[in-house]
Full PDB file with SEQRES, HELIX, SHEET, SSBOND, CRYST1, ORIGX, SCALE, CONECT and MASTER records, all heavy atoms in Angstrom:
SEQRES   1 A   40  LEU GLY LEU ASP SER PHE ALA LEU ILE SER MET LEU LEU          
SEQRES   2 A   40  GLU ILE GLU ASP GLY PHE GLY VAL GLU ILE PRO ASN TYR          
SEQRES   3 A   40  VAL LEU PRO ASN PHE GLN THR LEU LYS ASP LEU TYR SER          
SEQRES   4 A   40  TYR                                                          
HELIX    1 AA1 SER A    5  PHE A   19  1                                  15    
HELIX    2 AA2 ASN A   25  ASN A   30  5                                   6    
HELIX    3 AA3 LEU A   34  SER A   39  1                                   6    
CRYST1    1.000    1.000    1.000  90.00  90.00  90.00 P 1           1          
ORIGX1      1.000000  0.000000  0.000000        0.00000                         
ORIGX2      0.000000  1.000000  0.000000        0.00000                         
ORIGX3      0.000000  0.000000  1.000000        0.00000                         
SCALE1      1.000000  0.000000  0.000000        0.00000                         
SCALE2      0.000000  1.000000  0.000000        0.00000                         
SCALE3      0.000000  0.000000  1.000000        0.00000                         
ATOM      1  N   LEU A   1     -21.873 -55.674  46.236  1.00  0.00           N  
ATOM      2  CA  LEU A   1     -22.400 -54.468  46.889  1.00  0.00           C  
ATOM      3  C   LEU A   1     -21.281 -53.568  47.368  1.00  0.00           C  
ATOM      4  O   LEU A   1     -21.525 -52.382  47.656  1.00  0.00           O  
ATOM      5  CB  LEU A   1     -23.365 -54.843  47.975  1.00  0.00           C  
ATOM      6  CG  LEU A   1     -24.653 -55.489  47.558  1.00  0.00           C  
ATOM      7  CD1 LEU A   1     -25.464 -55.977  48.756  1.00  0.00           C  
ATOM      8  CD2 LEU A   1     -25.539 -54.434  46.814  1.00  0.00           C  
ATOM      9  N   GLY A   2     -20.078 -54.130  47.487  1.00  0.00           N  
ATOM     10  CA  GLY A   2     -18.954 -53.301  47.862  1.00  0.00           C  
ATOM     11  C   GLY A   2     -18.844 -52.949  49.348  1.00  0.00           C  
ATOM     12  O   GLY A   2     -18.223 -51.955  49.722  1.00  0.00           O  
ATOM     13  N   LEU A   3     -19.398 -53.721  50.240  1.00  0.00           N  
ATOM     14  CA  LEU A   3     -19.378 -53.482  51.659  1.00  0.00           C  
ATOM     15  C   LEU A   3     -18.048 -53.941  52.164  1.00  0.00           C  
ATOM     16  O   LEU A   3     -17.705 -55.111  52.127  1.00  0.00           O  
ATOM     17  CB  LEU A   3     -20.503 -54.179  52.383  1.00  0.00           C  
ATOM     18  CG  LEU A   3     -21.936 -53.671  52.112  1.00  0.00           C  
ATOM     19  CD1 LEU A   3     -22.924 -54.656  52.646  1.00  0.00           C  
ATOM     20  CD2 LEU A   3     -22.086 -52.296  52.759  1.00  0.00           C  
ATOM     21  N   ASP A   4     -17.268 -52.966  52.734  1.00  0.00           N  
ATOM     22  CA  ASP A   4     -16.008 -53.415  53.431  1.00  0.00           C  
ATOM     23  C   ASP A   4     -16.383 -53.787  54.815  1.00  0.00           C  
ATOM     24  O   ASP A   4     -17.501 -53.764  55.308  1.00  0.00           O  
ATOM     25  CB  ASP A   4     -14.971 -52.267  53.374  1.00  0.00           C  
ATOM     26  CG  ASP A   4     -15.453 -51.000  54.100  1.00  0.00           C  
ATOM     27  OD1 ASP A   4     -16.385 -51.038  54.883  1.00  0.00           O  
ATOM     28  OD2 ASP A   4     -14.845 -49.920  53.881  1.00  0.00           O  
ATOM     29  N   SER A   5     -15.376 -54.246  55.575  1.00  0.00           N  
ATOM     30  CA  SER A   5     -15.626 -54.804  56.883  1.00  0.00           C  
ATOM     31  C   SER A   5     -16.221 -53.744  57.873  1.00  0.00           C  
ATOM     32  O   SER A   5     -17.140 -54.050  58.628  1.00  0.00           O  
ATOM     33  CB  SER A   5     -14.382 -55.430  57.549  1.00  0.00           C  
ATOM     34  OG  SER A   5     -13.363 -54.478  57.573  1.00  0.00           O  
ATOM     35  N   PHE A   6     -15.764 -52.520  57.771  1.00  0.00           N  
ATOM     36  CA  PHE A   6     -16.358 -51.482  58.576  1.00  0.00           C  
ATOM     37  C   PHE A   6     -17.751 -51.203  58.290  1.00  0.00           C  
ATOM     38  O   PHE A   6     -18.615 -51.095  59.171  1.00  0.00           O  
ATOM     39  CB  PHE A   6     -15.466 -50.160  58.483  1.00  0.00           C  
ATOM     40  CG  PHE A   6     -15.983 -49.077  59.344  1.00  0.00           C  
ATOM     41  CD1 PHE A   6     -15.792 -49.037  60.711  1.00  0.00           C  
ATOM     42  CD2 PHE A   6     -16.729 -48.002  58.788  1.00  0.00           C  
ATOM     43  CE1 PHE A   6     -16.322 -47.994  61.504  1.00  0.00           C  
ATOM     44  CE2 PHE A   6     -17.209 -47.018  59.557  1.00  0.00           C  
ATOM     45  CZ  PHE A   6     -17.004 -46.991  60.927  1.00  0.00           C  
ATOM     46  N   ALA A   7     -18.065 -51.060  56.995  1.00  0.00           N  
ATOM     47  CA  ALA A   7     -19.501 -50.789  56.553  1.00  0.00           C  
ATOM     48  C   ALA A   7     -20.349 -51.955  56.977  1.00  0.00           C  
ATOM     49  O   ALA A   7     -21.502 -51.793  57.384  1.00  0.00           O  
ATOM     50  CB  ALA A   7     -19.524 -50.532  55.119  1.00  0.00           C  
ATOM     51  N   LEU A   8     -19.853 -53.174  56.838  1.00  0.00           N  
ATOM     52  CA  LEU A   8     -20.679 -54.386  57.156  1.00  0.00           C  
ATOM     53  C   LEU A   8     -20.978 -54.377  58.637  1.00  0.00           C  
ATOM     54  O   LEU A   8     -22.150 -54.640  59.014  1.00  0.00           O  
ATOM     55  CB  LEU A   8     -19.913 -55.637  56.761  1.00  0.00           C  
ATOM     56  CG  LEU A   8     -20.633 -56.939  56.960  1.00  0.00           C  
ATOM     57  CD1 LEU A   8     -21.983 -57.005  56.197  1.00  0.00           C  
ATOM     58  CD2 LEU A   8     -19.774 -58.123  56.610  1.00  0.00           C  
ATOM     59  N   ILE A   9     -20.043 -54.074  59.497  1.00  0.00           N  
ATOM     60  CA  ILE A   9     -20.322 -54.091  60.930  1.00  0.00           C  
ATOM     61  C   ILE A   9     -21.284 -52.961  61.305  1.00  0.00           C  
ATOM     62  O   ILE A   9     -22.212 -53.175  62.094  1.00  0.00           O  
ATOM     63  CB  ILE A   9     -18.960 -53.960  61.725  1.00  0.00           C  
ATOM     64  CG1 ILE A   9     -18.219 -55.323  61.551  1.00  0.00           C  
ATOM     65  CG2 ILE A   9     -19.204 -53.657  63.226  1.00  0.00           C  
ATOM     66  CD1 ILE A   9     -16.818 -55.271  62.111  1.00  0.00           C  
ATOM     67  N   SER A  10     -21.074 -51.779  60.767  1.00  0.00           N  
ATOM     68  CA  SER A  10     -22.008 -50.687  61.008  1.00  0.00           C  
ATOM     69  C   SER A  10     -23.423 -51.071  60.573  1.00  0.00           C  
ATOM     70  O   SER A  10     -24.394 -50.784  61.255  1.00  0.00           O  
ATOM     71  CB  SER A  10     -21.577 -49.437  60.254  1.00  0.00           C  
ATOM     72  OG  SER A  10     -20.297 -49.022  60.746  1.00  0.00           O  
ATOM     73  N   MET A  11     -23.535 -51.658  59.392  1.00  0.00           N  
ATOM     74  CA  MET A  11     -24.804 -52.044  58.876  1.00  0.00           C  
ATOM     75  C   MET A  11     -25.482 -53.063  59.771  1.00  0.00           C  
ATOM     76  O   MET A  11     -26.699 -53.026  60.042  1.00  0.00           O  
ATOM     77  CB  MET A  11     -24.661 -52.605  57.440  1.00  0.00           C  
ATOM     78  CG  MET A  11     -26.000 -52.984  56.766  1.00  0.00           C  
ATOM     79  SD  MET A  11     -25.754 -53.792  55.205  1.00  0.00           S  
ATOM     80  CE  MET A  11     -25.156 -55.403  55.706  1.00  0.00           C  
ATOM     81  N   LEU A  12     -24.699 -54.062  60.236  1.00  0.00           N  
ATOM     82  CA  LEU A  12     -25.216 -55.102  61.072  1.00  0.00           C  
ATOM     83  C   LEU A  12     -25.725 -54.525  62.375  1.00  0.00           C  
ATOM     84  O   LEU A  12     -26.748 -54.965  62.941  1.00  0.00           O  
ATOM     85  CB  LEU A  12     -24.201 -56.212  61.326  1.00  0.00           C  
ATOM     86  CG  LEU A  12     -23.861 -57.083  60.090  1.00  0.00           C  
ATOM     87  CD1 LEU A  12     -22.759 -58.059  60.445  1.00  0.00           C  
ATOM     88  CD2 LEU A  12     -25.102 -57.813  59.664  1.00  0.00           C  
ATOM     89  N   LEU A  13     -25.072 -53.517  62.962  1.00  0.00           N  
ATOM     90  CA  LEU A  13     -25.590 -52.867  64.093  1.00  0.00           C  
ATOM     91  C   LEU A  13     -26.945 -52.199  63.825  1.00  0.00           C  
ATOM     92  O   LEU A  13     -27.853 -52.254  64.716  1.00  0.00           O  
ATOM     93  CB  LEU A  13     -24.544 -51.819  64.645  1.00  0.00           C  
ATOM     94  CG  LEU A  13     -23.304 -52.358  65.182  1.00  0.00           C  
ATOM     95  CD1 LEU A  13     -22.315 -51.213  65.475  1.00  0.00           C  
ATOM     96  CD2 LEU A  13     -23.558 -53.193  66.439  1.00  0.00           C  
ATOM     97  N   GLU A  14     -27.069 -51.551  62.679  1.00  0.00           N  
ATOM     98  CA  GLU A  14     -28.340 -50.994  62.370  1.00  0.00           C  
ATOM     99  C   GLU A  14     -29.451 -52.074  62.157  1.00  0.00           C  
ATOM    100  O   GLU A  14     -30.604 -51.903  62.542  1.00  0.00           O  
ATOM    101  CB  GLU A  14     -28.244 -50.127  61.087  1.00  0.00           C  
ATOM    102  CG  GLU A  14     -29.517 -49.368  60.713  1.00  0.00           C  
ATOM    103  CD  GLU A  14     -29.296 -48.427  59.623  1.00  0.00           C  
ATOM    104  OE1 GLU A  14     -28.178 -48.076  59.217  1.00  0.00           O  
ATOM    105  OE2 GLU A  14     -30.354 -48.012  59.047  1.00  0.00           O  
ATOM    106  N   ILE A  15     -29.066 -53.193  61.564  1.00  0.00           N  
ATOM    107  CA  ILE A  15     -29.968 -54.283  61.341  1.00  0.00           C  
ATOM    108  C   ILE A  15     -30.444 -54.808  62.751  1.00  0.00           C  
ATOM    109  O   ILE A  15     -31.636 -55.119  62.956  1.00  0.00           O  
ATOM    110  CB  ILE A  15     -29.347 -55.410  60.506  1.00  0.00           C  
ATOM    111  CG1 ILE A  15     -29.207 -54.916  59.050  1.00  0.00           C  
ATOM    112  CG2 ILE A  15     -30.180 -56.691  60.569  1.00  0.00           C  
ATOM    113  CD1 ILE A  15     -28.419 -55.821  58.168  1.00  0.00           C  
ATOM    114  N   GLU A  16     -29.500 -54.979  63.678  1.00  0.00           N  
ATOM    115  CA  GLU A  16     -29.882 -55.445  65.019  1.00  0.00           C  
ATOM    116  C   GLU A  16     -30.918 -54.554  65.660  1.00  0.00           C  
ATOM    117  O   GLU A  16     -31.895 -54.997  66.212  1.00  0.00           O  
ATOM    118  CB  GLU A  16     -28.572 -55.521  65.906  1.00  0.00           C  
ATOM    119  CG  GLU A  16     -27.682 -56.648  65.558  1.00  0.00           C  
ATOM    120  CD  GLU A  16     -26.448 -56.681  66.472  1.00  0.00           C  
ATOM    121  OE1 GLU A  16     -26.005 -55.623  66.970  1.00  0.00           O  
ATOM    122  OE2 GLU A  16     -25.967 -57.790  66.740  1.00  0.00           O  
ATOM    123  N   ASP A  17     -30.695 -53.257  65.506  1.00  0.00           N  
ATOM    124  CA  ASP A  17     -31.695 -52.259  66.121  1.00  0.00           C  
ATOM    125  C   ASP A  17     -32.997 -52.310  65.382  1.00  0.00           C  
ATOM    126  O   ASP A  17     -34.055 -52.331  65.992  1.00  0.00           O  
ATOM    127  CB  ASP A  17     -31.112 -50.865  66.051  1.00  0.00           C  
ATOM    128  CG  ASP A  17     -29.935 -50.611  67.012  1.00  0.00           C  
ATOM    129  OD1 ASP A  17     -29.800 -51.400  67.962  1.00  0.00           O  
ATOM    130  OD2 ASP A  17     -29.218 -49.680  66.765  1.00  0.00           O  
ATOM    131  N   GLY A  18     -32.924 -52.384  64.053  1.00  0.00           N  
ATOM    132  CA  GLY A  18     -34.105 -52.387  63.259  1.00  0.00           C  
ATOM    133  C   GLY A  18     -35.007 -53.585  63.375  1.00  0.00           C  
ATOM    134  O   GLY A  18     -36.218 -53.505  63.199  1.00  0.00           O  
ATOM    135  N   PHE A  19     -34.366 -54.758  63.560  1.00  0.00           N  
ATOM    136  CA  PHE A  19     -35.108 -55.992  63.611  1.00  0.00           C  
ATOM    137  C   PHE A  19     -35.249 -56.578  65.045  1.00  0.00           C  
ATOM    138  O   PHE A  19     -35.860 -57.650  65.197  1.00  0.00           O  
ATOM    139  CB  PHE A  19     -34.422 -57.018  62.642  1.00  0.00           C  
ATOM    140  CG  PHE A  19     -34.692 -56.753  61.222  1.00  0.00           C  
ATOM    141  CD1 PHE A  19     -33.831 -55.972  60.477  1.00  0.00           C  
ATOM    142  CD2 PHE A  19     -35.824 -57.339  60.560  1.00  0.00           C  
ATOM    143  CE1 PHE A  19     -34.047 -55.759  59.141  1.00  0.00           C  
ATOM    144  CE2 PHE A  19     -35.996 -57.045  59.177  1.00  0.00           C  
ATOM    145  CZ  PHE A  19     -35.156 -56.263  58.500  1.00  0.00           C  
ATOM    146  N   GLY A  20     -34.534 -55.978  65.952  1.00  0.00           N  
ATOM    147  CA  GLY A  20     -34.632 -56.469  67.323  1.00  0.00           C  
ATOM    148  C   GLY A  20     -33.956 -57.847  67.513  1.00  0.00           C  
ATOM    149  O   GLY A  20     -34.453 -58.681  68.250  1.00  0.00           O  
ATOM    150  N   VAL A  21     -32.788 -58.045  66.783  1.00  0.00           N  
ATOM    151  CA  VAL A  21     -32.076 -59.297  66.861  1.00  0.00           C  
ATOM    152  C   VAL A  21     -30.647 -58.976  67.328  1.00  0.00           C  
ATOM    153  O   VAL A  21     -30.147 -57.853  67.258  1.00  0.00           O  
ATOM    154  CB  VAL A  21     -32.060 -60.091  65.560  1.00  0.00           C  
ATOM    155  CG1 VAL A  21     -33.448 -60.508  65.129  1.00  0.00           C  
ATOM    156  CG2 VAL A  21     -31.349 -59.269  64.475  1.00  0.00           C  
ATOM    157  N   GLU A  22     -29.959 -59.968  67.809  1.00  0.00           N  
ATOM    158  CA  GLU A  22     -28.571 -59.856  68.115  1.00  0.00           C  
ATOM    159  C   GLU A  22     -27.779 -60.772  67.222  1.00  0.00           C  
ATOM    160  O   GLU A  22     -28.101 -61.926  67.057  1.00  0.00           O  
ATOM    161  CB  GLU A  22     -28.309 -60.247  69.582  1.00  0.00           C  
ATOM    162  CG  GLU A  22     -26.882 -59.987  69.986  1.00  0.00           C  
ATOM    163  CD  GLU A  22     -26.669 -60.188  71.464  1.00  0.00           C  
ATOM    164  OE1 GLU A  22     -27.577 -59.985  72.287  1.00  0.00           O  
ATOM    165  OE2 GLU A  22     -25.496 -60.594  71.846  1.00  0.00           O  
ATOM    166  N   ILE A  23     -26.799 -60.207  66.541  1.00  0.00           N  
ATOM    167  CA  ILE A  23     -25.967 -60.959  65.597  1.00  0.00           C  
ATOM    168  C   ILE A  23     -24.538 -61.070  66.179  1.00  0.00           C  
ATOM    169  O   ILE A  23     -23.786 -60.047  66.149  1.00  0.00           O  
ATOM    170  CB  ILE A  23     -25.890 -60.266  64.219  1.00  0.00           C  
ATOM    171  CG1 ILE A  23     -27.355 -60.132  63.707  1.00  0.00           C  
ATOM    172  CG2 ILE A  23     -25.055 -61.086  63.292  1.00  0.00           C  
ATOM    173  CD1 ILE A  23     -27.406 -59.301  62.459  1.00  0.00           C  
ATOM    174  N   PRO A  24     -24.163 -62.173  66.700  1.00  0.00           N  
ATOM    175  CA  PRO A  24     -22.836 -62.351  67.305  1.00  0.00           C  
ATOM    176  C   PRO A  24     -21.751 -62.260  66.245  1.00  0.00           C  
ATOM    177  O   PRO A  24     -21.922 -62.613  65.052  1.00  0.00           O  
ATOM    178  CB  PRO A  24     -22.837 -63.695  67.928  1.00  0.00           C  
ATOM    179  CG  PRO A  24     -24.131 -64.342  67.650  1.00  0.00           C  
ATOM    180  CD  PRO A  24     -24.989 -63.395  66.827  1.00  0.00           C  
ATOM    181  N   ASN A  25     -20.564 -61.745  66.622  1.00  0.00           N  
ATOM    182  CA  ASN A  25     -19.466 -61.559  65.655  1.00  0.00           C  
ATOM    183  C   ASN A  25     -19.059 -62.854  65.006  1.00  0.00           C  
ATOM    184  O   ASN A  25     -18.580 -62.854  63.881  1.00  0.00           O  
ATOM    185  CB  ASN A  25     -18.251 -60.928  66.364  1.00  0.00           C  
ATOM    186  CG  ASN A  25     -18.518 -59.402  66.701  1.00  0.00           C  
ATOM    187  OD1 ASN A  25     -19.401 -58.839  66.094  1.00  0.00           O  
ATOM    188  ND2 ASN A  25     -17.754 -58.982  67.653  1.00  0.00           N  
ATOM    189  N   TYR A  26     -19.119 -63.917  65.694  1.00  0.00           N  
ATOM    190  CA  TYR A  26     -18.644 -65.221  65.151  1.00  0.00           C  
ATOM    191  C   TYR A  26     -19.432 -65.694  63.946  1.00  0.00           C  
ATOM    192  O   TYR A  26     -19.006 -66.553  63.185  1.00  0.00           O  
ATOM    193  CB  TYR A  26     -18.497 -66.319  66.187  1.00  0.00           C  
ATOM    194  CG  TYR A  26     -19.835 -66.807  66.763  1.00  0.00           C  
ATOM    195  CD1 TYR A  26     -20.513 -67.817  66.148  1.00  0.00           C  
ATOM    196  CD2 TYR A  26     -20.348 -66.272  67.899  1.00  0.00           C  
ATOM    197  CE1 TYR A  26     -21.692 -68.286  66.642  1.00  0.00           C  
ATOM    198  CE2 TYR A  26     -21.548 -66.705  68.467  1.00  0.00           C  
ATOM    199  CZ  TYR A  26     -22.257 -67.682  67.812  1.00  0.00           C  
ATOM    200  OH  TYR A  26     -23.458 -68.143  68.313  1.00  0.00           O  
ATOM    201  N   VAL A  27     -20.646 -65.145  63.744  1.00  0.00           N  
ATOM    202  CA  VAL A  27     -21.446 -65.597  62.579  1.00  0.00           C  
ATOM    203  C   VAL A  27     -21.248 -64.726  61.370  1.00  0.00           C  
ATOM    204  O   VAL A  27     -21.694 -64.983  60.230  1.00  0.00           O  
ATOM    205  CB  VAL A  27     -22.969 -65.692  62.902  1.00  0.00           C  
ATOM    206  CG1 VAL A  27     -23.219 -66.742  63.964  1.00  0.00           C  
ATOM    207  CG2 VAL A  27     -23.546 -64.398  63.232  1.00  0.00           C  
ATOM    208  N   LEU A  28     -20.512 -63.616  61.531  1.00  0.00           N  
ATOM    209  CA  LEU A  28     -20.314 -62.722  60.371  1.00  0.00           C  
ATOM    210  C   LEU A  28     -19.729 -63.313  59.107  1.00  0.00           C  
ATOM    211  O   LEU A  28     -20.224 -63.049  58.027  1.00  0.00           O  
ATOM    212  CB  LEU A  28     -19.392 -61.537  60.830  1.00  0.00           C  
ATOM    213  CG  LEU A  28     -19.948 -60.578  61.884  1.00  0.00           C  
ATOM    214  CD1 LEU A  28     -18.943 -59.449  62.157  1.00  0.00           C  
ATOM    215  CD2 LEU A  28     -21.247 -59.983  61.438  1.00  0.00           C  
ATOM    216  N   PRO A  29     -18.761 -64.251  59.237  1.00  0.00           N  
ATOM    217  CA  PRO A  29     -18.252 -64.887  58.011  1.00  0.00           C  
ATOM    218  C   PRO A  29     -19.288 -65.732  57.268  1.00  0.00           C  
ATOM    219  O   PRO A  29     -19.091 -66.013  56.073  1.00  0.00           O  
ATOM    220  CB  PRO A  29     -17.131 -65.831  58.530  1.00  0.00           C  
ATOM    221  CG  PRO A  29     -16.678 -65.218  59.815  1.00  0.00           C  
ATOM    222  CD  PRO A  29     -18.007 -64.616  60.388  1.00  0.00           C  
ATOM    223  N   ASN A  30     -20.412 -66.065  57.949  1.00  0.00           N  
ATOM    224  CA  ASN A  30     -21.465 -66.817  57.272  1.00  0.00           C  
ATOM    225  C   ASN A  30     -22.269 -65.970  56.299  1.00  0.00           C  
ATOM    226  O   ASN A  30     -23.023 -66.512  55.492  1.00  0.00           O  
ATOM    227  CB  ASN A  30     -22.442 -67.474  58.294  1.00  0.00           C  
ATOM    228  CG  ASN A  30     -21.720 -68.411  59.197  1.00  0.00           C  
ATOM    229  OD1 ASN A  30     -20.729 -69.043  58.858  1.00  0.00           O  
ATOM    230  ND2 ASN A  30     -22.181 -68.559  60.416  1.00  0.00           N  
ATOM    231  N   PHE A  31     -22.182 -64.691  56.386  1.00  0.00           N  
ATOM    232  CA  PHE A  31     -23.013 -63.811  55.564  1.00  0.00           C  
ATOM    233  C   PHE A  31     -22.240 -63.430  54.269  1.00  0.00           C  
ATOM    234  O   PHE A  31     -21.511 -62.443  54.248  1.00  0.00           O  
ATOM    235  CB  PHE A  31     -23.386 -62.514  56.325  1.00  0.00           C  
ATOM    236  CG  PHE A  31     -24.139 -62.750  57.589  1.00  0.00           C  
ATOM    237  CD1 PHE A  31     -23.881 -62.015  58.735  1.00  0.00           C  
ATOM    238  CD2 PHE A  31     -25.103 -63.760  57.686  1.00  0.00           C  
ATOM    239  CE1 PHE A  31     -24.556 -62.218  59.901  1.00  0.00           C  
ATOM    240  CE2 PHE A  31     -25.823 -63.950  58.867  1.00  0.00           C  
ATOM    241  CZ  PHE A  31     -25.542 -63.224  59.939  1.00  0.00           C  
ATOM    242  N   GLN A  32     -22.455 -64.226  53.245  1.00  0.00           N  
ATOM    243  CA  GLN A  32     -21.860 -63.925  51.936  1.00  0.00           C  
ATOM    244  C   GLN A  32     -22.833 -63.150  51.075  1.00  0.00           C  
ATOM    245  O   GLN A  32     -22.340 -62.398  50.274  1.00  0.00           O  
ATOM    246  CB  GLN A  32     -21.415 -65.206  51.292  1.00  0.00           C  
ATOM    247  CG  GLN A  32     -20.390 -66.043  52.076  1.00  0.00           C  
ATOM    248  CD  GLN A  32     -19.127 -65.237  52.406  1.00  0.00           C  
ATOM    249  OE1 GLN A  32     -18.530 -64.647  51.446  1.00  0.00           O  
ATOM    250  NE2 GLN A  32     -18.717 -65.253  53.634  1.00  0.00           N  
ATOM    251  N   THR A  33     -24.111 -63.479  51.124  1.00  0.00           N  
ATOM    252  CA  THR A  33     -25.098 -62.823  50.275  1.00  0.00           C  
ATOM    253  C   THR A  33     -26.196 -62.232  51.131  1.00  0.00           C  
ATOM    254  O   THR A  33     -26.303 -62.522  52.362  1.00  0.00           O  
ATOM    255  CB  THR A  33     -25.763 -63.854  49.360  1.00  0.00           C  
ATOM    256  OG1 THR A  33     -26.504 -64.835  50.145  1.00  0.00           O  
ATOM    257  CG2 THR A  33     -24.695 -64.551  48.487  1.00  0.00           C  
ATOM    258  N   LEU A  34     -27.025 -61.409  50.507  1.00  0.00           N  
ATOM    259  CA  LEU A  34     -28.169 -60.809  51.185  1.00  0.00           C  
ATOM    260  C   LEU A  34     -29.072 -61.935  51.691  1.00  0.00           C  
ATOM    261  O   LEU A  34     -29.623 -61.874  52.806  1.00  0.00           O  
ATOM    262  CB  LEU A  34     -28.889 -59.908  50.250  1.00  0.00           C  
ATOM    263  CG  LEU A  34     -30.187 -59.288  50.721  1.00  0.00           C  
ATOM    264  CD1 LEU A  34     -29.936 -58.431  51.962  1.00  0.00           C  
ATOM    265  CD2 LEU A  34     -30.852 -58.441  49.647  1.00  0.00           C  
ATOM    266  N   LYS A  35     -29.216 -63.029  50.884  1.00  0.00           N  
ATOM    267  CA  LYS A  35     -30.078 -64.121  51.288  1.00  0.00           C  
ATOM    268  C   LYS A  35     -29.630 -64.739  52.610  1.00  0.00           C  
ATOM    269  O   LYS A  35     -30.402 -65.104  53.449  1.00  0.00           O  
ATOM    270  CB  LYS A  35     -30.130 -65.113  50.133  1.00  0.00           C  
ATOM    271  CG  LYS A  35     -31.067 -66.298  50.342  1.00  0.00           C  
ATOM    272  CD  LYS A  35     -31.065 -67.217  49.167  1.00  0.00           C  
ATOM    273  CE  LYS A  35     -31.958 -68.379  49.399  1.00  0.00           C  
ATOM    274  NZ  LYS A  35     -31.941 -69.311  48.231  1.00  0.00           N  
ATOM    275  N   ASP A  36     -28.279 -64.896  52.747  1.00  0.00           N  
ATOM    276  CA  ASP A  36     -27.716 -65.476  53.992  1.00  0.00           C  
ATOM    277  C   ASP A  36     -28.090 -64.615  55.145  1.00  0.00           C  
ATOM    278  O   ASP A  36     -28.477 -65.112  56.148  1.00  0.00           O  
ATOM    279  CB  ASP A  36     -26.154 -65.558  53.882  1.00  0.00           C  
ATOM    280  CG  ASP A  36     -25.672 -66.426  52.806  1.00  0.00           C  
ATOM    281  OD1 ASP A  36     -26.370 -67.410  52.378  1.00  0.00           O  
ATOM    282  OD2 ASP A  36     -24.487 -66.260  52.413  1.00  0.00           O  
ATOM    283  N   LEU A  37     -27.946 -63.340  55.021  1.00  0.00           N  
ATOM    284  CA  LEU A  37     -28.254 -62.433  56.113  1.00  0.00           C  
ATOM    285  C   LEU A  37     -29.752 -62.469  56.420  1.00  0.00           C  
ATOM    286  O   LEU A  37     -30.142 -62.550  57.593  1.00  0.00           O  
ATOM    287  CB  LEU A  37     -27.876 -61.004  55.721  1.00  0.00           C  
ATOM    288  CG  LEU A  37     -27.999 -59.896  56.745  1.00  0.00           C  
ATOM    289  CD1 LEU A  37     -27.270 -60.225  57.994  1.00  0.00           C  
ATOM    290  CD2 LEU A  37     -27.466 -58.594  56.136  1.00  0.00           C  
ATOM    291  N   TYR A  38     -30.599 -62.468  55.409  1.00  0.00           N  
ATOM    292  CA  TYR A  38     -32.048 -62.481  55.619  1.00  0.00           C  
ATOM    293  C   TYR A  38     -32.489 -63.821  56.272  1.00  0.00           C  
ATOM    294  O   TYR A  38     -33.311 -63.803  57.159  1.00  0.00           O  
ATOM    295  CB  TYR A  38     -32.802 -62.339  54.293  1.00  0.00           C  
ATOM    296  CG  TYR A  38     -34.246 -62.184  54.444  1.00  0.00           C  
ATOM    297  CD1 TYR A  38     -34.843 -61.008  54.915  1.00  0.00           C  
ATOM    298  CD2 TYR A  38     -35.066 -63.278  54.048  1.00  0.00           C  
ATOM    299  CE1 TYR A  38     -36.176 -60.919  55.015  1.00  0.00           C  
ATOM    300  CE2 TYR A  38     -36.458 -63.129  54.248  1.00  0.00           C  
ATOM    301  CZ  TYR A  38     -37.062 -61.982  54.701  1.00  0.00           C  
ATOM    302  OH  TYR A  38     -38.396 -61.839  54.841  1.00  0.00           O  
ATOM    303  N   SER A  39     -31.846 -64.897  55.930  1.00  0.00           N  
ATOM    304  CA  SER A  39     -32.199 -66.190  56.491  1.00  0.00           C  
ATOM    305  C   SER A  39     -31.870 -66.186  58.002  1.00  0.00           C  
ATOM    306  O   SER A  39     -32.617 -66.816  58.788  1.00  0.00           O  
ATOM    307  CB  SER A  39     -31.433 -67.329  55.748  1.00  0.00           C  
ATOM    308  OG  SER A  39     -31.902 -67.511  54.486  1.00  0.00           O  
ATOM    309  N   TYR A  40     -30.791 -65.539  58.384  1.00  0.00           N  
ATOM    310  CA  TYR A  40     -30.413 -65.539  59.753  1.00  0.00           C  
ATOM    311  C   TYR A  40     -31.415 -64.724  60.577  1.00  0.00           C  
ATOM    312  O   TYR A  40     -31.780 -65.066  61.725  1.00  0.00           O  
ATOM    313  CB  TYR A  40     -28.986 -64.916  59.908  1.00  0.00           C  
ATOM    314  CG  TYR A  40     -28.516 -64.977  61.343  1.00  0.00           C  
ATOM    315  CD1 TYR A  40     -27.917 -66.134  61.889  1.00  0.00           C  
ATOM    316  CD2 TYR A  40     -28.708 -63.886  62.242  1.00  0.00           C  
ATOM    317  CE1 TYR A  40     -27.512 -66.151  63.191  1.00  0.00           C  
ATOM    318  CE2 TYR A  40     -28.299 -63.904  63.531  1.00  0.00           C  
ATOM    319  CZ  TYR A  40     -27.646 -65.050  64.003  1.00  0.00           C  
ATOM    320  OH  TYR A  40     -27.248 -65.089  65.379  1.00  0.00           O  
TER     321      TYR A  40                                                      
MASTER        0    0    0    3    0    0    0    6  320    1    0    4          
END                                                                             
């Protein structure tokens, strides 16, 4: 998908707002695929 670290962090902030969840920074390396992110 070509997400660099800045785009990934920006996207995660939007996901937090859109889904009403909090995603701590320490779990970011766990998100390799869309499925990983969706599972979280």
